[in-house]
PDB file of all heavy atoms in Angstrom:
ATOM      1  N   ASP A   1       0.843  -1.187   0.000  1.00  0.00           N
ATOM      2  CA  ASP A   1       0.000   0.000   0.000  1.00  0.00           C
ATOM      3  C   ASP A   1       0.885   1.247   0.000  1.00  0.00           C
ATOM      4  O   ASP A   1       2.113   1.155   0.014  1.00  0.00           O
ATOM      5  CB  ASP A   1      -0.975   0.005   1.186  1.00  0.00           C
ATOM      6  CG  ASP A   1      -0.275  -0.060   2.533  1.00  0.00           C
ATOM      7  OD1 ASP A   1       0.943   0.255   2.599  1.00  0.00           O
ATOM      8  OD2 ASP A   1      -0.917  -0.437   3.526  1.00  0.00           O
ATOM      9  N   ILE A   2       0.235   2.389   0.004  1.00  0.00           N
ATOM     10  CA  ILE A   2       0.977   3.646  -0.129  1.00  0.00           C
ATOM     11  C   ILE A   2       1.930   3.863   1.037  1.00  0.00           C
ATOM     12  O   ILE A   2       3.008   4.438   0.880  1.00  0.00           O
ATOM     13  CB  ILE A   2      -0.011   4.828  -0.278  1.00  0.00           C
ATOM     14  CG1 ILE A   2       0.703   6.055  -0.855  1.00  0.00           C
ATOM     15  CG2 ILE A   2      -0.695   5.140   1.036  1.00  0.00           C
ATOM     16  CD1 ILE A   2       1.035   5.927  -2.321  1.00  0.00           C
ATOM     17  N   SER A   3       1.552   3.374   2.227  1.00  0.00           N
ATOM     18  CA  SER A   3       2.423   3.564   3.392  1.00  0.00           C
ATOM     19  C   SER A   3       3.702   2.742   3.262  1.00  0.00           C
ATOM     20  O   SER A   3       4.765   3.184   3.671  1.00  0.00           O
ATOM     21  CB  SER A   3       1.675   3.180   4.680  1.00  0.00           C
ATOM     22  OG  SER A   3       1.297   1.822   4.652  1.00  0.00           O
ATOM     23  N   GLU A   4       3.596   1.540   2.675  1.00  0.00           N
ATOM     24  CA  GLU A   4       4.808   0.736   2.496  1.00  0.00           C
ATOM     25  C   GLU A   4       5.708   1.350   1.427  1.00  0.00           C
ATOM     26  O   GLU A   4       6.937   1.311   1.539  1.00  0.00           O
ATOM     27  CB  GLU A   4       4.464  -0.702   2.136  1.00  0.00           C
ATOM     28  CG  GLU A   4       5.708  -1.568   2.041  1.00  0.00           C
ATOM     29  CD  GLU A   4       5.421  -3.063   2.034  1.00  0.00           C
ATOM     30  OE1 GLU A   4       4.256  -3.449   2.216  1.00  0.00           O
ATOM     31  OE2 GLU A   4       6.379  -3.834   1.843  1.00  0.00           O
ATOM     32  N   VAL A   5       5.107   1.928   0.393  1.00  0.00           N
ATOM     33  CA  VAL A   5       5.901   2.617  -0.625  1.00  0.00           C
ATOM     34  C   VAL A   5       6.692   3.742   0.030  1.00  0.00           C
ATOM     35  O   VAL A   5       7.895   3.890  -0.195  1.00  0.00           O
ATOM     36  CB  VAL A   5       4.994   3.186  -1.736  1.00  0.00           C
ATOM     37  CG1 VAL A   5       5.837   3.953  -2.770  1.00  0.00           C
ATOM     38  CG2 VAL A   5       4.224   2.062  -2.428  1.00  0.00           C
ATOM     39  N   ASP A   6       6.016   4.510   0.870  1.00  0.00           N
ATOM     40  CA  ASP A   6       6.682   5.595   1.587  1.00  0.00           C
ATOM     41  C   ASP A   6       7.817   5.064   2.453  1.00  0.00           C
ATOM     42  O   ASP A   6       8.901   5.643   2.502  1.00  0.00           O
ATOM     43  CB  ASP A   6       5.657   6.334   2.456  1.00  0.00           C
ATOM     44  CG  ASP A   6       6.293   7.445   3.279  1.00  0.00           C
ATOM     45  OD1 ASP A   6       6.711   8.453   2.699  1.00  0.00           O
ATOM     46  OD2 ASP A   6       6.383   7.288   4.513  1.00  0.00           O
ATOM     47  N   GLY A   7       7.568   3.935   3.136  1.00  0.00           N
ATOM     48  CA  GLY A   7       8.589   3.353   3.994  1.00  0.00           C
ATOM     49  C   GLY A   7       9.822   2.911   3.230  1.00  0.00           C
ATOM     50  O   GLY A   7      10.954   3.154   3.666  1.00  0.00           O
ATOM     51  N   VAL A   8       9.626   2.272   2.089  1.00  0.00           N
ATOM     52  CA  VAL A   8      10.766   1.806   1.297  1.00  0.00           C
ATOM     53  C   VAL A   8      11.559   2.996   0.751  1.00  0.00           C
ATOM     54  O   VAL A   8      12.794   2.976   0.727  1.00  0.00           O
ATOM     55  CB  VAL A   8      10.286   0.886   0.155  1.00  0.00           C
ATOM     56  CG1 VAL A   8      11.455   0.535  -0.771  1.00  0.00           C
ATOM     57  CG2 VAL A   8       9.678  -0.384   0.713  1.00  0.00           C
ATOM     58  N   ILE A   9      10.859   4.041   0.341  1.00  0.00           N
ATOM     59  CA  ILE A   9      11.560   5.245  -0.131  1.00  0.00           C
ATOM     60  C   ILE A   9      12.437   5.811   0.974  1.00  0.00           C
ATOM     61  O   ILE A   9      13.600   6.166   0.752  1.00  0.00           O
ATOM     62  CB  ILE A   9      10.543   6.299  -0.620  1.00  0.00           C
ATOM     63  CG1 ILE A   9       9.844   5.838  -1.889  1.00  0.00           C
ATOM     64  CG2 ILE A   9      11.248   7.645  -0.882  1.00  0.00           C
ATOM     65  CD1 ILE A   9       8.676   6.715  -2.315  1.00  0.00           C
ATOM     66  N   ARG A  10      11.900   5.884   2.180  1.00  0.00           N
ATOM     67  CA  ARG A  10      12.680   6.408   3.308  1.00  0.00           C
ATOM     68  C   ARG A  10      13.925   5.555   3.546  1.00  0.00           C
ATOM     69  O   ARG A  10      15.013   6.075   3.799  1.00  0.00           O
ATOM     70  CB  ARG A  10      11.829   6.426   4.581  1.00  0.00           C
ATOM     71  CG  ARG A  10      10.661   7.381   4.564  1.00  0.00           C
ATOM     72  CD  ARG A  10      10.058   7.441   5.944  1.00  0.00           C
ATOM     73  NE  ARG A  10       8.719   8.005   5.969  1.00  0.00           N
ATOM     74  CZ  ARG A  10       8.189   8.613   7.019  1.00  0.00           C
ATOM     75  NH1 ARG A  10       8.888   8.758   8.122  1.00  0.00           N
ATOM     76  NH2 ARG A  10       6.958   9.079   6.986  1.00  0.00           N
ATOM     77  N   MET A  11      13.748   4.237   3.495  1.00  0.00           N
ATOM     78  CA  MET A  11      14.872   3.341   3.760  1.00  0.00           C
ATOM     79  C   MET A  11      15.961   3.506   2.701  1.00  0.00           C
ATOM     80  O   MET A  11      17.149   3.558   3.014  1.00  0.00           O
ATOM     81  CB  MET A  11      14.381   1.895   3.807  1.00  0.00           C
ATOM     82  CG  MET A  11      13.380   1.601   4.905  1.00  0.00           C
ATOM     83  SD  MET A  11      14.106   1.557   6.545  1.00  0.00           S
ATOM     84  CE  MET A  11      14.804  -0.085   6.551  1.00  0.00           C
ATOM     85  N   ILE A  12      15.556   3.600   1.451  1.00  0.00           N
ATOM     86  CA  ILE A  12      16.522   3.764   0.358  1.00  0.00           C
ATOM     87  C   ILE A  12      17.277   5.083   0.498  1.00  0.00           C
ATOM     88  O   ILE A  12      18.501   5.147   0.344  1.00  0.00           O
ATOM     89  CB  ILE A  12      15.799   3.702  -1.005  1.00  0.00           C
ATOM     90  CG1 ILE A  12      15.260   2.294  -1.283  1.00  0.00           C
ATOM     91  CG2 ILE A  12      16.719   4.157  -2.131  1.00  0.00           C
ATOM     92  CD1 ILE A  12      16.314   1.250  -1.540  1.00  0.00           C
ATOM     93  N   GLN A  13      16.553   6.145   0.808  1.00  0.00           N
ATOM     94  CA  GLN A  13      17.202   7.445   0.951  1.00  0.00           C
ATOM     95  C   GLN A  13      18.188   7.458   2.110  1.00  0.00           C
ATOM     96  O   GLN A  13      19.259   8.054   2.022  1.00  0.00           O
ATOM     97  CB  GLN A  13      16.146   8.538   1.132  1.00  0.00           C
ATOM     98  CG  GLN A  13      15.344   8.816  -0.128  1.00  0.00           C
ATOM     99  CD  GLN A  13      14.243   9.848   0.091  1.00  0.00           C
ATOM    100  OE1 GLN A  13      13.606   9.881   1.143  1.00  0.00           O
ATOM    101  NE2 GLN A  13      14.016  10.691  -0.901  1.00  0.00           N
ATOM    102  N   THR A  14      17.817   6.793   3.206  1.00  0.00           N
ATOM    103  CA  THR A  14      18.720   6.729   4.356  1.00  0.00           C
ATOM    104  C   THR A  14      19.948   5.894   4.028  1.00  0.00           C
ATOM    105  O   THR A  14      21.068   6.218   4.421  1.00  0.00           O
ATOM    106  CB  THR A  14      17.993   6.130   5.571  1.00  0.00           C
ATOM    107  OG1 THR A  14      16.879   6.957   5.883  1.00  0.00           O
ATOM    108  CG2 THR A  14      18.929   6.058   6.782  1.00  0.00           C
ATOM    109  N   GLU A  15      19.757   4.821   3.279  1.00  0.00           N
ATOM    110  CA  GLU A  15      20.882   3.984   2.884  1.00  0.00           C
ATOM    111  C   GLU A  15      21.920   4.803   2.138  1.00  0.00           C
ATOM    112  O   GLU A  15      23.122   4.707   2.404  1.00  0.00           O
ATOM    113  CB  GLU A  15      20.396   2.832   1.997  1.00  0.00           C
ATOM    114  CG  GLU A  15      21.539   1.950   1.485  1.00  0.00           C
ATOM    115  CD  GLU A  15      21.091   0.986   0.412  1.00  0.00           C
ATOM    116  OE1 GLU A  15      19.960   1.123  -0.087  1.00  0.00           O
ATOM    117  OE2 GLU A  15      21.878   0.100   0.060  1.00  0.00           O
ATOM    118  N   ASP A  16      21.466   5.652   1.236  1.00  0.00           N
ATOM    119  CA  ASP A  16      22.397   6.439   0.430  1.00  0.00           C
ATOM    120  C   ASP A  16      23.023   7.578   1.211  1.00  0.00           C
ATOM    121  O   ASP A  16      24.154   7.978   0.941  1.00  0.00           O
ATOM    122  CB  ASP A  16      21.673   6.996  -0.797  1.00  0.00           C
ATOM    123  CG  ASP A  16      21.444   5.925  -1.857  1.00  0.00           C
ATOM    124  OD1 ASP A  16      21.952   4.798  -1.669  1.00  0.00           O
ATOM    125  OD2 ASP A  16      20.747   6.206  -2.850  1.00  0.00           O
ATOM    126  N   SER A  17      22.278   8.133   2.186  1.00  0.00           N
ATOM    127  CA  SER A  17      22.798   9.294   2.903  1.00  0.00           C
ATOM    128  C   SER A  17      23.691   8.913   4.076  1.00  0.00           C
ATOM    129  O   SER A  17      24.578   9.661   4.455  1.00  0.00           O
ATOM    130  CB  SER A  17      21.637  10.165   3.414  1.00  0.00           C
ATOM    131  OG  SER A  17      20.862   9.453   4.359  1.00  0.00           O
ATOM    132  N   GLN A  18      23.453   7.718   4.673  1.00  0.00           N
ATOM    133  CA  GLN A  18      24.203   7.350   5.870  1.00  0.00           C
ATOM    134  C   GLN A  18      25.092   6.131   5.670  1.00  0.00           C
ATOM    135  O   GLN A  18      26.224   6.095   6.115  1.00  0.00           O
ATOM    136  CB  GLN A  18      23.225   7.067   7.023  1.00  0.00           C
ATOM    137  CG  GLN A  18      22.428   8.282   7.448  1.00  0.00           C
ATOM    138  CD  GLN A  18      21.484   7.959   8.586  1.00  0.00           C
ATOM    139  OE1 GLN A  18      21.360   6.813   9.009  1.00  0.00           O
ATOM    140  NE2 GLN A  18      20.801   8.957   9.095  1.00  0.00           N
ATOM    141  N   LEU A  19      24.567   5.112   5.031  1.00  0.00           N
ATOM    142  CA  LEU A  19      25.297   3.857   4.827  1.00  0.00           C
ATOM    143  C   LEU A  19      25.809   3.277   6.144  1.00  0.00           C
ATOM    144  O   LEU A  19      26.902   2.739   6.224  1.00  0.00           O
ATOM    145  CB  LEU A  19      26.479   4.065   3.868  1.00  0.00           C
ATOM    146  CG  LEU A  19      26.098   4.454   2.441  1.00  0.00           C
ATOM    147  CD1 LEU A  19      27.350   4.685   1.621  1.00  0.00           C
ATOM    148  CD2 LEU A  19      25.228   3.415   1.787  1.00  0.00           C
ATOM    149  N   THR A  20      25.004   3.401   7.213  1.00  0.00           N
ATOM    150  CA  THR A  20      25.424   2.868   8.511  1.00  0.00           C
ATOM    151  C   THR A  20      24.487   1.791   9.025  1.00  0.00           C
ATOM    152  O   THR A  20      24.721   1.238  10.085  1.00  0.00           O
ATOM    153  CB  THR A  20      25.465   3.996   9.552  1.00  0.00           C
ATOM    154  OG1 THR A  20      24.165   4.614   9.642  1.00  0.00           O
ATOM    155  CG2 THR A  20      26.488   5.045   9.186  1.00  0.00           C
ATOM    156  N   LEU A  21      23.426   1.500   8.300  1.00  0.00           N
ATOM    157  CA  LEU A  21      22.476   0.513   8.787  1.00  0.00           C
ATOM    158  C   LEU A  21      22.908  -0.890   8.384  1.00  0.00           C
ATOM    159  O   LEU A  21      23.024  -1.195   7.197  1.00  0.00           O
ATOM    160  CB  LEU A  21      21.067   0.795   8.217  1.00  0.00           C
ATOM    161  CG  LEU A  21      20.442   2.121   8.661  1.00  0.00           C
ATOM    162  CD1 LEU A  21      19.116   2.320   7.944  1.00  0.00           C
ATOM    163  CD2 LEU A  21      20.220   2.118  10.161  1.00  0.00           C
ATOM    164  N   PRO A  22      23.130  -1.775   9.360  1.00  0.00           N
ATOM    165  CA  PRO A  22      23.584  -3.126   9.014  1.00  0.00           C
ATOM    166  C   PRO A  22      22.521  -3.951   8.316  1.00  0.00           C
ATOM    167  O   PRO A  22      22.811  -4.983   7.735  1.00  0.00           O
ATOM    168  CB  PRO A  22      23.902  -3.739  10.393  1.00  0.00           C
ATOM    169  CG  PRO A  22      23.053  -2.968  11.351  1.00  0.00           C
ATOM    170  CD  PRO A  22      22.975  -1.576  10.794  1.00  0.00           C
ATOM    171  N   THR A  23      21.258  -3.506   8.336  1.00  0.00           N
ATOM    172  CA  THR A  23      20.181  -4.288   7.738  1.00  0.00           C
ATOM    173  C   THR A  23      19.950  -3.932   6.277  1.00  0.00           C
ATOM    174  O   THR A  23      19.042  -4.440   5.656  1.00  0.00           O
ATOM    175  CB  THR A  23      18.878  -4.055   8.525  1.00  0.00           C
ATOM    176  OG1 THR A  23      18.579  -2.654   8.524  1.00  0.00           O
ATOM    177  CG2 THR A  23      19.010  -4.519   9.947  1.00  0.00           C
ATOM    178  N   LEU A  24      20.768  -3.035   5.726  1.00  0.00           N
ATOM    179  CA  LEU A  24      20.584  -2.633   4.340  1.00  0.00           C
ATOM    180  C   LEU A  24      21.753  -3.107   3.483  1.00  0.00           C
ATOM    181  O   LEU A  24      22.883  -3.164   3.927  1.00  0.00           O
ATOM    182  CB  LEU A  24      20.483  -1.104   4.246  1.00  0.00           C
ATOM    183  CG  LEU A  24      19.306  -0.460   4.993  1.00  0.00           C
ATOM    184  CD1 LEU A  24      19.369   1.053   4.829  1.00  0.00           C
ATOM    185  CD2 LEU A  24      17.994  -0.984   4.478  1.00  0.00           C
ATOM    186  N   GLU A  25      21.443  -3.457   2.257  1.00  0.00           N
ATOM    187  CA  GLU A  25      22.474  -3.872   1.324  1.00  0.00           C
ATOM    188  C   GLU A  25      22.738  -2.740   0.338  1.00  0.00           C
ATOM    189  O   GLU A  25      21.814  -2.189  -0.252  1.00  0.00           O
ATOM    190  CB  GLU A  25      22.019  -5.116   0.545  1.00  0.00           C
ATOM    191  CG  GLU A  25      21.829  -6.348   1.425  1.00  0.00           C
ATOM    192  CD  GLU A  25      21.374  -7.533   0.606  1.00  0.00           C
ATOM    193  OE1 GLU A  25      21.027  -7.347  -0.573  1.00  0.00           O
ATOM    194  OE2 GLU A  25      21.386  -8.643   1.139  1.00  0.00           O
ATOM    195  N   ARG A  26      23.992  -2.391   0.177  1.00  0.00           N
ATOM    196  CA  ARG A  26      24.355  -1.319  -0.742  1.00  0.00           C
ATOM    197  C   ARG A  26      23.838  -1.640  -2.147  1.00  0.00           C
ATOM    198  O   ARG A  26      24.140  -2.691  -2.717  1.00  0.00           O
ATOM    199  CB  ARG A  26      25.871  -1.144  -0.748  1.00  0.00           C
ATOM    200  CG  ARG A  26      26.371  -0.099  -1.738  1.00  0.00           C
ATOM    201  CD  ARG A  26      25.883   1.275  -1.354  1.00  0.00           C
ATOM    202  NE  ARG A  26      26.498   2.284  -2.195  1.00  0.00           N
ATOM    203  CZ  ARG A  26      26.082   3.537  -2.270  1.00  0.00           C
ATOM    204  NH1 ARG A  26      25.025   3.909  -1.576  1.00  0.00           N
ATOM    205  NH2 ARG A  26      26.703   4.396  -3.033  1.00  0.00           N
ATOM    206  N   LYS A  27      23.031  -0.740  -2.673  1.00  0.00           N
ATOM    207  CA  LYS A  27      22.495  -0.863  -4.034  1.00  0.00           C
ATOM    208  C   LYS A  27      21.690  -2.151  -4.235  1.00  0.00           C
ATOM    209  O   LYS A  27      21.486  -2.608  -5.338  1.00  0.00           O
ATOM    210  CB  LYS A  27      23.621  -0.832  -5.070  1.00  0.00           C
ATOM    211  CG  LYS A  27      24.474   0.420  -4.995  1.00  0.00           C
ATOM    212  CD  LYS A  27      23.667   1.689  -5.197  1.00  0.00           C
ATOM    213  CE  LYS A  27      24.565   2.917  -5.172  1.00  0.00           C
ATOM    214  NZ  LYS A  27      23.795   4.158  -5.252  1.00  0.00           N
ATOM    215  N   GLY A  28      21.220  -2.755  -3.158  1.00  0.00           N
ATOM    216  CA  GLY A  28      20.456  -3.992  -3.278  1.00  0.00           C
ATOM    217  C   GLY A  28      19.058  -3.837  -2.746  1.00  0.00           C
ATOM    218  O   GLY A  28      18.566  -2.751  -2.488  1.00  0.00           O
ATOM    219  N   LYS A  29      18.400  -4.966  -2.588  1.00  0.00           N
ATOM    220  CA  LYS A  29      17.030  -4.969  -2.095  1.00  0.00           C
ATOM    221  C   LYS A  29      17.002  -4.616  -0.608  1.00  0.00           C
ATOM    222  O   LYS A  29      17.835  -5.059   0.167  1.00  0.00           O
ATOM    223  CB  LYS A  29      16.412  -6.354  -2.304  1.00  0.00           C
ATOM    224  CG  LYS A  29      14.966  -6.446  -1.831  1.00  0.00           C
ATOM    225  CD  LYS A  29      14.428  -7.840  -2.050  1.00  0.00           C
ATOM    226  CE  LYS A  29      13.021  -7.955  -1.476  1.00  0.00           C
ATOM    227  NZ  LYS A  29      12.474  -9.316  -1.633  1.00  0.00           N
ATOM    228  N   VAL A  30      16.030  -3.790  -0.222  1.00  0.00           N
ATOM    229  CA  VAL A  30      15.898  -3.401   1.172  1.00  0.00           C
ATOM    230  C   VAL A  30      15.340  -4.574   1.975  1.00  0.00           C
ATOM    231  O   VAL A  30      14.340  -5.176   1.605  1.00  0.00           O
ATOM    232  CB  VAL A  30      14.949  -2.196   1.303  1.00  0.00           C
ATOM    233  CG1 VAL A  30      14.783  -1.804   2.766  1.00  0.00           C
ATOM    234  CG2 VAL A  30      15.480  -1.016   0.511  1.00  0.00           C
ATOM    235  N   ARG A  31      16.006  -4.900   3.062  1.00  0.00           N
ATOM    236  CA  ARG A  31      15.525  -5.959   3.954  1.00  0.00           C
ATOM    237  C   ARG A  31      14.952  -5.305   5.207  1.00  0.00           C
ATOM    238  O   ARG A  31      15.647  -5.123   6.196  1.00  0.00           O
ATOM    239  CB  ARG A  31      16.668  -6.904   4.334  1.00  0.00           C
ATOM    240  CG  ARG A  31      17.225  -7.708   3.189  1.00  0.00           C
ATOM    241  CD  ARG A  31      18.323  -8.630   3.702  1.00  0.00           C
ATOM    242  NE  ARG A  31      18.877  -9.453   2.665  1.00  0.00           N
ATOM    243  CZ  ARG A  31      19.868 -10.321   2.860  1.00  0.00           C
ATOM    244  NH1 ARG A  31      20.412 -10.429   4.068  1.00  0.00           N
ATOM    245  NH2 ARG A  31      20.330 -11.055   1.872  1.00  0.00           N
ATOM    246  N   MET A  32      13.713  -4.940   5.151  1.00  0.00           N
ATOM    247  CA  MET A  32      13.104  -4.272   6.289  1.00  0.00           C
ATOM    248  C   MET A  32      12.641  -5.290   7.322  1.00  0.00           C
ATOM    249  O   MET A  32      12.150  -6.365   6.985  1.00  0.00           O
ATOM    250  CB  MET A  32      11.936  -3.407   5.834  1.00  0.00           C
ATOM    251  CG  MET A  32      12.366  -2.234   4.977  1.00  0.00           C
ATOM    252  SD  MET A  32      10.988  -1.161   4.537  1.00  0.00           S
ATOM    253  CE  MET A  32      10.096  -2.226   3.411  1.00  0.00           C
ATOM    254  N   ALA A  33      12.813  -4.945   8.580  1.00  0.00           N
ATOM    255  CA  ALA A  33      12.396  -5.832   9.664  1.00  0.00           C
ATOM    256  C   ALA A  33      10.888  -6.026   9.614  1.00  0.00           C
ATOM    257  O   ALA A  33      10.134  -5.142   9.201  1.00  0.00           O
ATOM    258  CB  ALA A  33      12.807  -5.236  11.010  1.00  0.00           C
ATOM    259  N   GLN A  34      10.447  -7.212  10.071  1.00  0.00           N
ATOM    260  CA  GLN A  34       9.030  -7.542  10.067  1.00  0.00           C
ATOM    261  C   GLN A  34       8.640  -8.154  11.404  1.00  0.00           C
ATOM    262  O   GLN A  34       9.442  -8.808  12.063  1.00  0.00           O
ATOM    263  CB  GLN A  34       8.705  -8.540   8.959  1.00  0.00           C
ATOM    264  CG  GLN A  34       8.990  -8.059   7.559  1.00  0.00           C
ATOM    265  CD  GLN A  34       8.653  -9.127   6.527  1.00  0.00           C
ATOM    266  OE1 GLN A  34       7.828  -9.997   6.753  1.00  0.00           O
ATOM    267  NE2 GLN A  34       9.303  -9.046   5.382  1.00  0.00           N
ATOM    268  N   ILE A  35       7.369  -7.949  11.776  1.00  0.00           N
ATOM    269  CA  ILE A  35       6.766  -8.634  12.907  1.00  0.00           C
ATOM    270  C   ILE A  35       5.509  -9.308  12.377  1.00  0.00           C
ATOM    271  O   ILE A  35       4.636  -8.639  11.819  1.00  0.00           O
ATOM    272  CB  ILE A  35       6.406  -7.657  14.044  1.00  0.00           C
ATOM    273  CG1 ILE A  35       7.668  -6.985  14.596  1.00  0.00           C
ATOM    274  CG2 ILE A  35       5.670  -8.385  15.170  1.00  0.00           C
ATOM    275  CD1 ILE A  35       7.371  -5.876  15.599  1.00  0.00           C
ATOM    276  N   ALA A  36       5.430 -10.614  12.542  1.00  0.00           N
ATOM    277  CA  ALA A  36       4.311 -11.357  11.966  1.00  0.00           C
ATOM    278  C   ALA A  36       3.544 -12.122  13.031  1.00  0.00           C
ATOM    279  O   ALA A  36       4.126 -12.736  13.927  1.00  0.00           O
ATOM    280  CB  ALA A  36       4.825 -12.322  10.894  1.00  0.00           C
ATOM    281  N   THR A  37       2.227 -12.070  12.937  1.00  0.00           N
ATOM    282  CA  THR A  37       1.342 -12.926  13.716  1.00  0.00           C
ATOM    283  C   THR A  37       0.429 -13.635  12.732  1.00  0.00           C
ATOM    284  O   THR A  37       0.490 -13.399  11.518  1.00  0.00           O
ATOM    285  CB  THR A  37       0.498 -12.118  14.724  1.00  0.00           C
ATOM    286  OG1 THR A  37      -0.374 -11.238  13.995  1.00  0.00           O
ATOM    287  CG2 THR A  37       1.381 -11.301  15.657  1.00  0.00           C
TER     288      THR A  37
END
């Protein structure tokens, strides 16, 4: 949905600006944390 699109955009932008998140792959697919029930 639109909120997830917004979330992925934020993650990608942060990856490029900081490159300090261990959960992100440089120039790769975003691996966002999940909580599932």
